[in-house]
Amino acid sequence: MSIQLSCKSLLMCWVLGLSCASLGTTPVTASGDAVAAETDSSYTPTSKQLCAAASRPENYRGAFLKSFKTLQLGSQDWLFRDMDLKRAYGPRPAGYKSLQQLQQVLQSHGTALVMVPIPGRPLVHPEYLGEINYDIQRGRKSYSNYLAQLRGLNIVVPQIDSLFQQNQIKPLFFARDHHWNHHGARTIARLTAYAIKASKISGIQRQKFTSYSVGGSHNDGSLQRAAQQLCEQTYRKEPFKLYQTLAQSSDDLFTEQPEPQIVLVGTSNSKGRLKFNFDGFLAHYIGATVNNKASSGGGFGGALKRYLISEEFRQSPPKVLVWEIPGYYSLNETAFFDDLLKNLEVRPST
C-alpha cells in the first residue's frame, strides 16, 4: 500500500468524521473516539499466577503455541515469552558479514538500507516484569551494541535505545501481544524518520501528510490467547486507537503524484490485521510517500526477499529501503542471505 496524494482528501475527512480544518504536522485525535486510550489506568489484574501447564515446554504443541513458549506472568497482567526475554541481540560475525554484503549490493543499486530492529518488550518496559528474573542492563547493553554494529556497516539505524533513558508514560507495546501498539509504531516511526533525515539522502520528493485518530478497537492479544489455550485463563481485551495518514491536498488538481522513493518491508508490525499505521507515520514524519511491501507471517525476511527479487526492484530501485524486524531474530541464517545475494543483480556503474 502506498501513502499517496489524493484530491479526494476532503471527502475522506468527511467520511471518516474528521475536521479537515485541523490539518497539522502531528497526529491529532478526532472527537468521538471509540476508545479513549491505549491503556486503562483503572485496570485490575486478573490473576497472580499462570497455571502449572504454562511452565512446561512440552505443552506448547502445534503451529500457534510453539511460538509462545514459555509464558511467564509479569505485573499488571503483562505476559512474556522466552523470545521477549532475550539477553543477547544481533547475529554472530558471519551474520554481520551477510548484512554488510546486503548493504553494499543495495548501495550499488543506489538504495540506502535502513534497519529498524524492534527491541524486546522488557527492554522498554521493565516495570511490568514483576517477579520475572531478567537482567535488564545486560539486555539493553547487548541491544545497543547491536545497533552500533549495524551503523558500523553503513546501515542507517534509528536511535531506538534512546527510549531506555526515559520512563514511558504510555506503553509502546501491548501487555499481552507480541506486537508493538499504535503508540509504539508512531514513536519508532518518528525516530526512524529522524535517522533518515540525518543521513541526508538526496532525490526524495517531499510531501506533507497528516495523521488522524479514526476511532479504536480492542485486541485479544496473541499471548493471552496462548494462555487461554494452556490454562483456560481469560484476560480483558486491550483497547487501542486506530490511525490513518493522508496526504495534504494540493490546490492544483492536476499535480502529479510523486513516485514512492521509500519502500518499507517487514513483518505484521508493518502490515497486519491490527493496522498499526507504521507506514503512514513514516510518511508523516519523513514528509515523503512510503510504499508498503511488508507482509504478515513471512518471518524476518519473507517480505525483504520477495521485494528484492521482484521486477519492480530491478526496474526502479528506491532511494531508501526500510527493513522493520523484531529484535529477537538473530539473523544468523547464512543460507537465506546467500540465496538472496545470489539473486540480486549488481547494477553496473555508469
Foldseek 3Di string as FASTA:
>chain_A
DKFWADQCVVVVCVVLVHDPVPFDLAEDEGPPFQDDAQFDPVQDDDDPFADPLLQDQVSQDDPQSNVADRWGAFPSRFIHHPLLQDQAFAADPLLLVLLLLVQVLLVLVLAAEAEEAAHRQCLLPVVRRHPDDGDNVSNLVNVVVNQVSCVVSVHQYFPPSVSNVDRDPDRQDDRFAREGALVVLLVSLLRSLVSVVVVVQPDFDFFAKYKYWRHWDWAPHSRQVSSCVRGVGHDDTGIGTAMDMHTDHDPDPPDDMDDAQEEEEEEVNQPNDRHSCSQRSNCSNNRGMYHYQYYYPCAQCRSVLVVQLDVVCVVPNHNYYYRYGHRSDHSHPSVVSVVSSVSHDRDDDD
